[in-house]
C-alpha atoms as a PDB file:
ATOM      1  CA  MET A   1      81.971 -19.498  54.399  1.00  0.00           C
ATOM      2  CA  THR A   2      85.622 -19.431  55.540  1.00  0.00           C
ATOM      3  CA  ARG A   3      87.675 -16.339  54.896  1.00  0.00           C
ATOM      4  CA  LYS A   4      91.049 -16.922  53.281  1.00  0.00           C
ATOM      5  CA  LYS A   5      93.913 -16.008  55.596  1.00  0.00           C
ATOM      6  CA  LEU A   6      96.038 -12.979  54.808  1.00  0.00           C
ATOM      7  CA  THR A   7      99.690 -12.083  55.372  1.00  0.00           C
ATOM      8  CA  ALA A   8     100.515  -8.373  55.380  1.00  0.00           C
ATOM      9  CA  ILE A   9     104.122  -7.546  54.471  1.00  0.00           C
ATOM     10  CA  VAL A  10     105.800  -4.219  55.300  1.00  0.00           C
ATOM     11  CA  PRO A  11     109.342  -3.508  54.032  1.00  0.00           C
ATOM     12  CA  VAL A  12     111.116  -0.961  56.262  1.00  0.00           C
ATOM     13  CA  GLN A  13     114.392   0.789  56.930  1.00  0.00           C
ATOM     14  CA  ASN A  14     114.621   3.513  59.577  1.00  0.00           C
ATOM     15  CA  GLU A  15     110.870   4.147  59.551  1.00  0.00           C
ATOM     16  CA  GLU A  16     110.272   4.954  63.226  1.00  0.00           C
ATOM     17  CA  HIS A  17     108.192   7.971  62.149  1.00  0.00           C
ATOM     18  CA  ASN A  18     105.862   5.731  60.078  1.00  0.00           C
ATOM     19  CA  ILE A  19     105.941   2.186  61.395  1.00  0.00           C
ATOM     20  CA  ARG A  20     103.378   2.454  64.210  1.00  0.00           C
ATOM     21  CA  GLU A  21     100.637   3.988  62.061  1.00  0.00           C
ATOM     22  CA  VAL A  22     101.047   1.558  59.186  1.00  0.00           C
ATOM     23  CA  LEU A  23     101.059  -1.460  61.515  1.00  0.00           C
ATOM     24  CA  GLU A  24      97.951  -0.184  63.289  1.00  0.00           C
ATOM     25  CA  SER A  25      96.207   0.115  59.930  1.00  0.00           C
ATOM     26  CA  ILE A  26      96.958  -3.513  58.918  1.00  0.00           C
ATOM     27  CA  SER A  27      96.248  -5.085  62.307  1.00  0.00           C
ATOM     28  CA  PHE A  28      93.301  -6.953  60.725  1.00  0.00           C
ATOM     29  CA  ALA A  29      95.717  -9.269  58.854  1.00  0.00           C
ATOM     30  CA  ASP A  30      96.130 -12.826  60.161  1.00  0.00           C
ATOM     31  CA  GLU A  31      99.896 -12.489  59.946  1.00  0.00           C
ATOM     32  CA  ILE A  32     102.151  -9.438  59.788  1.00  0.00           C
ATOM     33  CA  MET A  33     105.683  -9.743  58.406  1.00  0.00           C
ATOM     34  CA  VAL A  34     108.105  -6.845  58.804  1.00  0.00           C
ATOM     35  CA  VAL A  35     111.016  -6.969  56.356  1.00  0.00           C
ATOM     36  CA  ASP A  36     113.749  -4.833  57.883  1.00  0.00           C
ATOM     37  CA  SER A  37     116.929  -3.639  56.182  1.00  0.00           C
ATOM     38  CA  PHE A  38     118.910  -3.364  59.431  1.00  0.00           C
ATOM     39  CA  SER A  39     117.317  -0.206  60.762  1.00  0.00           C
ATOM     40  CA  THR A  40     119.423   1.848  63.169  1.00  0.00           C
ATOM     41  CA  ASP A  41     116.556   3.826  64.750  1.00  0.00           C
ATOM     42  CA  ASN A  42     113.614   2.576  66.849  1.00  0.00           C
ATOM     43  CA  THR A  43     111.824   0.848  63.962  1.00  0.00           C
ATOM     44  CA  LEU A  44     112.361  -2.688  65.277  1.00  0.00           C
ATOM     45  CA  GLN A  45     111.417  -1.869  68.856  1.00  0.00           C
ATOM     46  CA  ILE A  46     108.093  -0.463  67.668  1.00  0.00           C
ATOM     47  CA  ALA A  47     107.512  -3.319  65.200  1.00  0.00           C
ATOM     48  CA  ARG A  48     107.904  -5.919  67.976  1.00  0.00           C
ATOM     49  CA  GLU A  49     104.864  -4.434  69.711  1.00  0.00           C
ATOM     50  CA  TYR A  50     102.768  -5.689  66.769  1.00  0.00           C
ATOM     51  CA  THR A  51     104.458  -8.839  65.458  1.00  0.00           C
ATOM     52  CA  ASP A  52     107.188 -11.378  66.157  1.00  0.00           C
ATOM     53  CA  PHE A  53     107.558 -12.139  62.449  1.00  0.00           C
ATOM     54  CA  ILE A  54     110.510  -9.909  61.602  1.00  0.00           C
ATOM     55  CA  VAL A  55     113.073 -10.855  58.961  1.00  0.00           C
ATOM     56  CA  GLN A  56     116.189  -8.918  58.036  1.00  0.00           C
ATOM     57  CA  ARG A  57     118.131  -8.540  54.808  1.00  0.00           C
ATOM     58  CA  GLU A  58     120.479  -5.931  53.409  1.00  0.00           C
ATOM     59  CA  TYR A  59     118.592  -3.649  51.045  1.00  0.00           C
ATOM     60  CA  GLY A  60     119.499  -3.996  47.391  1.00  0.00           C
ATOM     61  CA  TYR A  61     116.452  -2.604  45.636  1.00  0.00           C
ATOM     62  CA  SER A  62     112.719  -2.750  46.246  1.00  0.00           C
ATOM     63  CA  ALA A  63     111.682  -5.566  43.887  1.00  0.00           C
ATOM     64  CA  SER A  64     114.508  -7.827  45.037  1.00  0.00           C
ATOM     65  CA  GLN A  65     113.613  -7.259  48.689  1.00  0.00           C
ATOM     66  CA  LYS A  66     109.930  -8.002  48.125  1.00  0.00           C
ATOM     67  CA  ASN A  67     110.511 -11.094  45.979  1.00  0.00           C
ATOM     68  CA  TRP A  68     112.793 -12.440  48.718  1.00  0.00           C
ATOM     69  CA  ALA A  69     110.187 -11.839  51.437  1.00  0.00           C
ATOM     70  CA  ILE A  70     106.961 -12.997  49.767  1.00  0.00           C
ATOM     71  CA  PRO A  71     107.709 -16.788  49.719  1.00  0.00           C
ATOM     72  CA  GLN A  72     108.333 -16.691  53.475  1.00  0.00           C
ATOM     73  CA  ALA A  73     104.710 -15.773  54.211  1.00  0.00           C
ATOM     74  CA  ASN A  74     102.633 -18.569  55.714  1.00  0.00           C
ATOM     75  CA  ASN A  75      99.472 -17.655  53.778  1.00  0.00           C
ATOM     76  CA  GLU A  76      98.653 -17.724  50.069  1.00  0.00           C
ATOM     77  CA  TRP A  77      97.104 -14.253  49.971  1.00  0.00           C
ATOM     78  CA  ILE A  78      99.495 -11.346  50.448  1.00  0.00           C
ATOM     79  CA  PHE A  79      98.816  -7.684  51.149  1.00  0.00           C
ATOM     80  CA  LEU A  80     101.974  -5.660  50.636  1.00  0.00           C
ATOM     81  CA  VAL A  81     102.053  -2.144  52.025  1.00  0.00           C
ATOM     82  CA  ASP A  82     104.886   0.370  52.273  1.00  0.00           C
ATOM     83  CA  ALA A  83     105.650   2.203  55.504  1.00  0.00           C
ATOM     84  CA  ASP A  84     104.373   5.508  54.100  1.00  0.00           C
ATOM     85  CA  GLU A  85     100.960   4.038  53.266  1.00  0.00           C
ATOM     86  CA  ARG A  86      97.832   3.631  55.391  1.00  0.00           C
ATOM     87  CA  VAL A  87      94.777   1.387  55.089  1.00  0.00           C
ATOM     88  CA  SER A  88      91.414   3.030  55.652  1.00  0.00           C
ATOM     89  CA  GLU A  89      88.484   1.282  57.331  1.00  0.00           C
ATOM     90  CA  GLU A  90      86.747   1.143  53.917  1.00  0.00           C
ATOM     91  CA  LEU A  91      89.720  -0.545  52.242  1.00  0.00           C
ATOM     92  CA  LYS A  92      90.126  -2.946  55.151  1.00  0.00           C
ATOM     93  CA  ASN A  93      86.484  -4.017  54.872  1.00  0.00           C
ATOM     94  CA  GLU A  94      86.745  -4.426  51.103  1.00  0.00           C
ATOM     95  CA  ILE A  95      89.848  -6.595  51.433  1.00  0.00           C
ATOM     96  CA  LEU A  96      88.187  -8.813  54.033  1.00  0.00           C
ATOM     97  CA  ALA A  97      85.049  -9.117  51.884  1.00  0.00           C
ATOM     98  CA  THR A  98      87.198 -10.080  48.886  1.00  0.00           C
ATOM     99  CA  LEU A  99      88.881 -12.836  50.886  1.00  0.00           C
ATOM    100  CA  GLU A 100      85.477 -14.277  51.812  1.00  0.00           C
ATOM    101  CA  LYS A 101      84.585 -15.090  48.203  1.00  0.00           C
ATOM    102  CA  ASP A 102      84.201 -18.835  47.638  1.00  0.00           C
ATOM    103  CA  GLU A 103      85.325 -18.687  44.032  1.00  0.00           C
ATOM    104  CA  ASP A 104      87.498 -15.778  43.016  1.00  0.00           C
ATOM    105  CA  PRO A 105      88.756 -15.733  39.408  1.00  0.00           C
ATOM    106  CA  ASN A 106      91.249 -12.997  40.274  1.00  0.00           C
ATOM    107  CA  VAL A 107      94.794 -13.754  41.365  1.00  0.00           C
ATOM    108  CA  ALA A 108      95.516 -10.121  42.261  1.00  0.00           C
ATOM    109  CA  TYR A 109      93.864  -6.726  42.710  1.00  0.00           C
ATOM    110  CA  TRP A 110      94.696  -3.192  41.664  1.00  0.00           C
ATOM    111  CA  ILE A 111      94.260  -0.596  44.410  1.00  0.00           C
ATOM    112  CA  GLY A 112      94.128   3.141  43.689  1.00  0.00           C
ATOM    113  CA  ARG A 113      96.214   5.513  45.787  1.00  0.00           C
ATOM    114  CA  ASN A 114      95.420   8.917  47.241  1.00  0.00           C
ATOM    115  CA  ASN A 115      98.814  10.616  47.129  1.00  0.00           C
ATOM    116  CA  HIS A 116      99.882  13.346  49.530  1.00  0.00           C
ATOM    117  CA  PHE A 117     102.950  15.556  49.081  1.00  0.00           C
ATOM    118  CA  MET A 118     104.171  18.511  51.143  1.00  0.00           C
ATOM    119  CA  GLY A 119     101.064  18.266  53.316  1.00  0.00           C
ATOM    120  CA  LYS A 120      98.621  18.440  50.403  1.00  0.00           C
ATOM    121  CA  ARG A 121      96.436  15.865  48.641  1.00  0.00           C
ATOM    122  CA  ILE A 122      97.679  15.741  45.049  1.00  0.00           C
ATOM    123  CA  ARG A 123      94.742  15.582  42.641  1.00  0.00           C
ATOM    124  CA  TYR A 124      96.606  16.311  39.386  1.00  0.00           C
ATOM    125  CA  SER A 125     100.322  16.384  38.395  1.00  0.00           C
ATOM    126  CA  GLY A 126     100.044  12.965  36.728  1.00  0.00           C
ATOM    127  CA  TRP A 127      99.306  11.259  40.048  1.00  0.00           C
ATOM    128  CA  GLN A 128      95.519  11.288  39.801  1.00  0.00           C
ATOM    129  CA  ASN A 129      95.254   7.798  38.260  1.00  0.00           C
ATOM    130  CA  ASP A 130      97.927   6.159  40.390  1.00  0.00           C
ATOM    131  CA  LYS A 131      97.209   2.501  41.099  1.00  0.00           C
ATOM    132  CA  VAL A 132      99.243  -0.453  42.367  1.00  0.00           C
ATOM    133  CA  ILE A 133      98.792  -4.209  42.742  1.00  0.00           C
ATOM    134  CA  ARG A 134      99.104  -4.913  46.460  1.00  0.00           C
ATOM    135  CA  LEU A 135      96.625  -7.714  47.185  1.00  0.00           C
ATOM    136  CA  PHE A 136      97.646 -10.930  45.431  1.00  0.00           C
ATOM    137  CA  ARG A 137      98.249 -14.674  45.582  1.00  0.00           C
ATOM    138  CA  LYS A 138     101.898 -15.442  46.224  1.00  0.00           C
ATOM    139  CA  SER A 139     101.889 -18.520  43.960  1.00  0.00           C
ATOM    140  CA  LYS A 140     100.654 -16.480  40.991  1.00  0.00           C
ATOM    141  CA  CYS A 141     102.506 -13.191  41.269  1.00  0.00           C
ATOM    142  CA  ILE A 142     106.060 -11.851  41.290  1.00  0.00           C
ATOM    143  CA  TYR A 143     107.649  -8.417  41.035  1.00  0.00           C
ATOM    144  CA  GLU A 144     109.490  -7.495  37.850  1.00  0.00           C
ATOM    145  CA  ASP A 145     113.244  -7.616  38.343  1.00  0.00           C
ATOM    146  CA  LYS A 146     113.695  -3.864  37.927  1.00  0.00           C
ATOM    147  CA  MET A 147     115.538  -1.533  40.267  1.00  0.00           C
ATOM    148  CA  VAL A 148     112.971   1.278  40.015  1.00  0.00           C
ATOM    149  CA  HIS A 149     109.170   1.295  39.725  1.00  0.00           C
ATOM    150  CA  ALA A 150     108.840  -2.488  39.377  1.00  0.00           C
ATOM    151  CA  GLU A 151     105.277  -3.771  39.099  1.00  0.00           C
ATOM    152  CA  ILE A 152     103.698  -7.108  39.916  1.00  0.00           C
ATOM    153  CA  LYS A 153     103.525  -9.615  37.074  1.00  0.00           C
ATOM    154  CA  ALA A 154     100.358 -11.663  37.604  1.00  0.00           C
ATOM    155  CA  ASP A 155      99.772 -15.098  36.108  1.00  0.00           C
ATOM    156  CA  GLY A 156      96.011 -14.722  35.791  1.00  0.00           C
ATOM    157  CA  GLN A 157      93.143 -12.255  35.984  1.00  0.00           C
ATOM    158  CA  VAL A 158      93.538  -9.018  37.946  1.00  0.00           C
ATOM    159  CA  GLY A 159      90.579  -7.295  39.601  1.00  0.00           C
ATOM    160  CA  PHE A 160      90.165  -3.800  41.045  1.00  0.00           C
ATOM    161  CA  LEU A 161      89.235  -2.677  44.557  1.00  0.00           C
ATOM    162  CA  ASN A 162      87.193   0.514  44.884  1.00  0.00           C
ATOM    163  CA  SER A 163      88.640   1.881  48.120  1.00  0.00           C
ATOM    164  CA  PRO A 164      91.975   3.733  47.805  1.00  0.00           C
ATOM    165  CA  LEU A 165      95.187   3.359  49.744  1.00  0.00           C
ATOM    166  CA  TYR A 166      96.472   6.484  51.500  1.00  0.00           C
ATOM    167  CA  HIS A 167     100.038   7.335  50.434  1.00  0.00           C
ATOM    168  CA  ASN A 168     102.165  10.108  51.939  1.00  0.00           C
ATOM    169  CA  THR A 169     105.234  10.175  49.708  1.00  0.00           C
ATOM    170  CA  TYR A 170     106.801  13.140  51.521  1.00  0.00           C
ATOM    171  CA  VAL A 171     108.577  13.191  54.894  1.00  0.00           C
ATOM    172  CA  ASN A 172     110.871  16.145  54.298  1.00  0.00           C
ATOM    173  CA  LEU A 173     112.486  17.707  51.245  1.00  0.00           C
ATOM    174  CA  ASP A 174     116.017  16.492  51.994  1.00  0.00           C
ATOM    175  CA  ARG A 175     114.887  12.880  52.309  1.00  0.00           C
ATOM    176  CA  HIS A 176     112.790  13.124  49.139  1.00  0.00           C
ATOM    177  CA  ILE A 177     115.713  14.490  47.114  1.00  0.00           C
ATOM    178  CA  LEU A 178     117.984  11.724  48.439  1.00  0.00           C
ATOM    179  CA  LYS A 179     115.397   9.183  47.272  1.00  0.00           C
ATOM    180  CA  LEU A 180     115.251  10.767  43.804  1.00  0.00           C
ATOM    181  CA  ASN A 181     119.045  10.713  43.613  1.00  0.00           C
ATOM    182  CA  ARG A 182     119.141   7.024  44.570  1.00  0.00           C
ATOM    183  CA  TYR A 183     116.508   6.196  41.934  1.00  0.00           C
ATOM    184  CA  ALA A 184     118.431   8.200  39.312  1.00  0.00           C
ATOM    185  CA  SER A 185     121.563   6.156  40.064  1.00  0.00           C
ATOM    186  CA  TRP A 186     119.666   2.888  39.619  1.00  0.00           C
ATOM    187  CA  GLN A 187     118.002   4.099  36.424  1.00  0.00           C
ATOM    188  CA  ALA A 188     121.371   5.214  35.048  1.00  0.00           C
ATOM    189  CA  GLU A 189     122.723   1.683  35.537  1.00  0.00           C
ATOM    190  CA  GLU A 190     119.658   0.136  33.883  1.00  0.00           C
ATOM    191  CA  CYS A 191     119.511   2.589  30.973  1.00  0.00           C
ATOM    192  CA  GLU A 192     123.196   3.042  30.192  1.00  0.00           C
ATOM    193  CA  LYS A 193     123.398   0.247  27.616  1.00  0.00           C
ATOM    194  CA  LYS A 194     120.064   1.226  26.022  1.00  0.00           C
ATOM    195  CA  THR A 195     121.012   4.887  25.713  1.00  0.00           C
ATOM    196  CA  GLY A 196     122.900   5.980  22.623  1.00  0.00           C
ATOM    197  CA  LYS A 197     125.160   8.977  22.295  1.00  0.00           C
ATOM    198  CA  LEU A 198     124.315  11.650  24.855  1.00  0.00           C
ATOM    199  CA  THR A 199     123.300  14.966  23.293  1.00  0.00           C
ATOM    200  CA  PRO A 200     121.594  18.212  24.374  1.00  0.00           C
ATOM    201  CA  TYR A 201     118.334  16.327  23.755  1.00  0.00           C
ATOM    202  CA  HIS A 202     119.006  14.254  26.892  1.00  0.00           C
ATOM    203  CA  PHE A 203     120.223  17.123  29.079  1.00  0.00           C
ATOM    204  CA  VAL A 204     117.843  19.893  27.961  1.00  0.00           C
ATOM    205  CA  ILE A 205     114.839  18.697  25.943  1.00  0.00           C
ATOM    206  CA  LYS A 206     113.911  15.611  27.969  1.00  0.00           C
ATOM    207  CA  PRO A 207     114.022  17.357  31.381  1.00  0.00           C
ATOM    208  CA  PHE A 208     112.093  20.335  29.980  1.00  0.00           C
ATOM    209  CA  TRP A 209     109.477  18.005  28.479  1.00  0.00           C
ATOM    210  CA  ARG A 210     109.033  16.178  31.790  1.00  0.00           C
ATOM    211  CA  PHE A 211     108.398  19.476  33.578  1.00  0.00           C
ATOM    212  CA  PHE A 212     105.987  20.633  30.846  1.00  0.00           C
ATOM    213  CA  LYS A 213     104.130  17.308  30.954  1.00  0.00           C
ATOM    214  CA  HIS A 214     103.600  17.253  34.732  1.00  0.00           C
ATOM    215  CA  TYR A 215     102.944  20.958  35.251  1.00  0.00           C
ATOM    216  CA  PHE A 216     100.904  21.892  32.177  1.00  0.00           C
ATOM    217  CA  LEU A 217      99.574  18.808  30.361  1.00  0.00           C
ATOM    218  CA  GLN A 218      98.722  16.991  33.599  1.00  0.00           C
ATOM    219  CA  SER A 219      97.537  20.176  35.325  1.00  0.00           C
ATOM    220  CA  GLY A 220     100.160  20.236  38.054  1.00  0.00           C
ATOM    221  CA  PHE A 221      99.599  23.991  38.376  1.00  0.00           C
ATOM    222  CA  ARG A 222      96.228  23.150  39.940  1.00  0.00           C
ATOM    223  CA  ASP A 223      98.058  21.499  42.860  1.00  0.00           C
ATOM    224  CA  GLY A 224      99.668  24.813  43.849  1.00  0.00           C
ATOM    225  CA  LEU A 225     103.290  24.949  45.001  1.00  0.00           C
ATOM    226  CA  PRO A 226     103.461  21.171  45.635  1.00  0.00           C
ATOM    227  CA  GLY A 227     102.478  20.651  41.993  1.00  0.00           C
ATOM    228  CA  PHE A 228     105.300  22.928  40.851  1.00  0.00           C
ATOM    229  CA  VAL A 229     107.795  21.120  43.107  1.00  0.00           C
ATOM    230  CA  ILE A 230     106.673  17.716  41.766  1.00  0.00           C
ATOM    231  CA  ALA A 231     107.157  18.869  38.158  1.00  0.00           C
ATOM    232  CA  TYR A 232     110.526  20.459  38.918  1.00  0.00           C
ATOM    233  CA  LEU A 233     111.846  17.427  40.802  1.00  0.00           C
ATOM    234  CA  ARG A 234     110.680  15.042  38.055  1.00  0.00           C
ATOM    235  CA  SER A 235     112.540  17.208  35.556  1.00  0.00           C
ATOM    236  CA  TYR A 236     115.616  17.196  37.787  1.00  0.00           C
ATOM    237  CA  SER A 237     115.522  13.389  38.103  1.00  0.00           C
ATOM    238  CA  ILE A 238     115.652  13.038  34.301  1.00  0.00           C
ATOM    239  CA  PHE A 239     118.552  15.491  34.058  1.00  0.00           C
ATOM    240  CA  ILE A 240     120.587  13.851  36.820  1.00  0.00           C
ATOM    241  CA  ARG A 241     119.979  10.379  35.346  1.00  0.00           C
ATOM    242  CA  TYR A 242     121.771  11.355  32.126  1.00  0.00           C
ATOM    243  CA  VAL A 243     124.525  13.140  34.036  1.00  0.00           C
ATOM    244  CA  LYS A 244     125.103   9.881  35.900  1.00  0.00           C
ATOM    245  CA  ILE A 245     125.192   7.925  32.620  1.00  0.00           C
ATOM    246  CA  TRP A 246     127.786  10.414  31.314  1.00  0.00           C
ATOM    247  CA  LEU A 247     129.828   9.851  34.474  1.00  0.00           C
ATOM    248  CA  LEU A 248     129.472   6.057  34.302  1.00  0.00           C
ATOM    249  CA  ARG A 249     130.860   6.026  30.776  1.00  0.00           C
ATOM    250  CA  ARG A 250     133.933   7.864  32.005  1.00  0.00           C
ATOM    251  CA  ASN A 251     134.315   5.814  35.198  1.00  0.00           C
ATOM    252  CA  LEU A 252     133.803   8.986  37.233  1.00  0.00           C
ATOM    253  CA  ASN A 253     130.675   8.006  39.156  1.00  0.00           C
END
């Protein structure tokens, strides 16, 4: 039985604090491709210790970057992992076992994620059922052309791996807020034409509902202070999105 070869792809930009650990965790892949958006820190120097397959492209948005990189892989099976994620020994073994199947009806696999925020494993707050497609055949899958939270569109059956992917979505508060602000700008551009007249519903009710949903309905209070911060920041991201739409319509953004 011959195992199918695997290309692991890691998109990065100024990830010197993450790059070594993520590359160590995917060292089992037959090929590692680092997709760099012209990092200005030591990301590339560290990456070259693990692979010579480094491509560079200006960062537009996540889905565009990934769809540009995937066809350049030399293997049919792709494992795409972000710099703030880690592959456990259990997940590694499950991936390798999956690639050893002679006949696999699946063209992609969902993988659950254990999310960490502000140094704490988040078990509630709406993140408890988080899952992503990260193992897939490049000829059968493509990312949606969306600027934020794009998912893989698979042309075929999708399976599910049992072992989770470790995800630390928090480096520091300033960086996290900058990320939320960037996402809000992209979402404002995408939603502007679909959004009708802006009213207090958009600026008051929707942000309040998002906080209520994450903190109370999805039991964010059980995650302690990090749960409160998650709910508050999700509420803020909704509010700032509509502020940005208001500004766009007045050419003030």
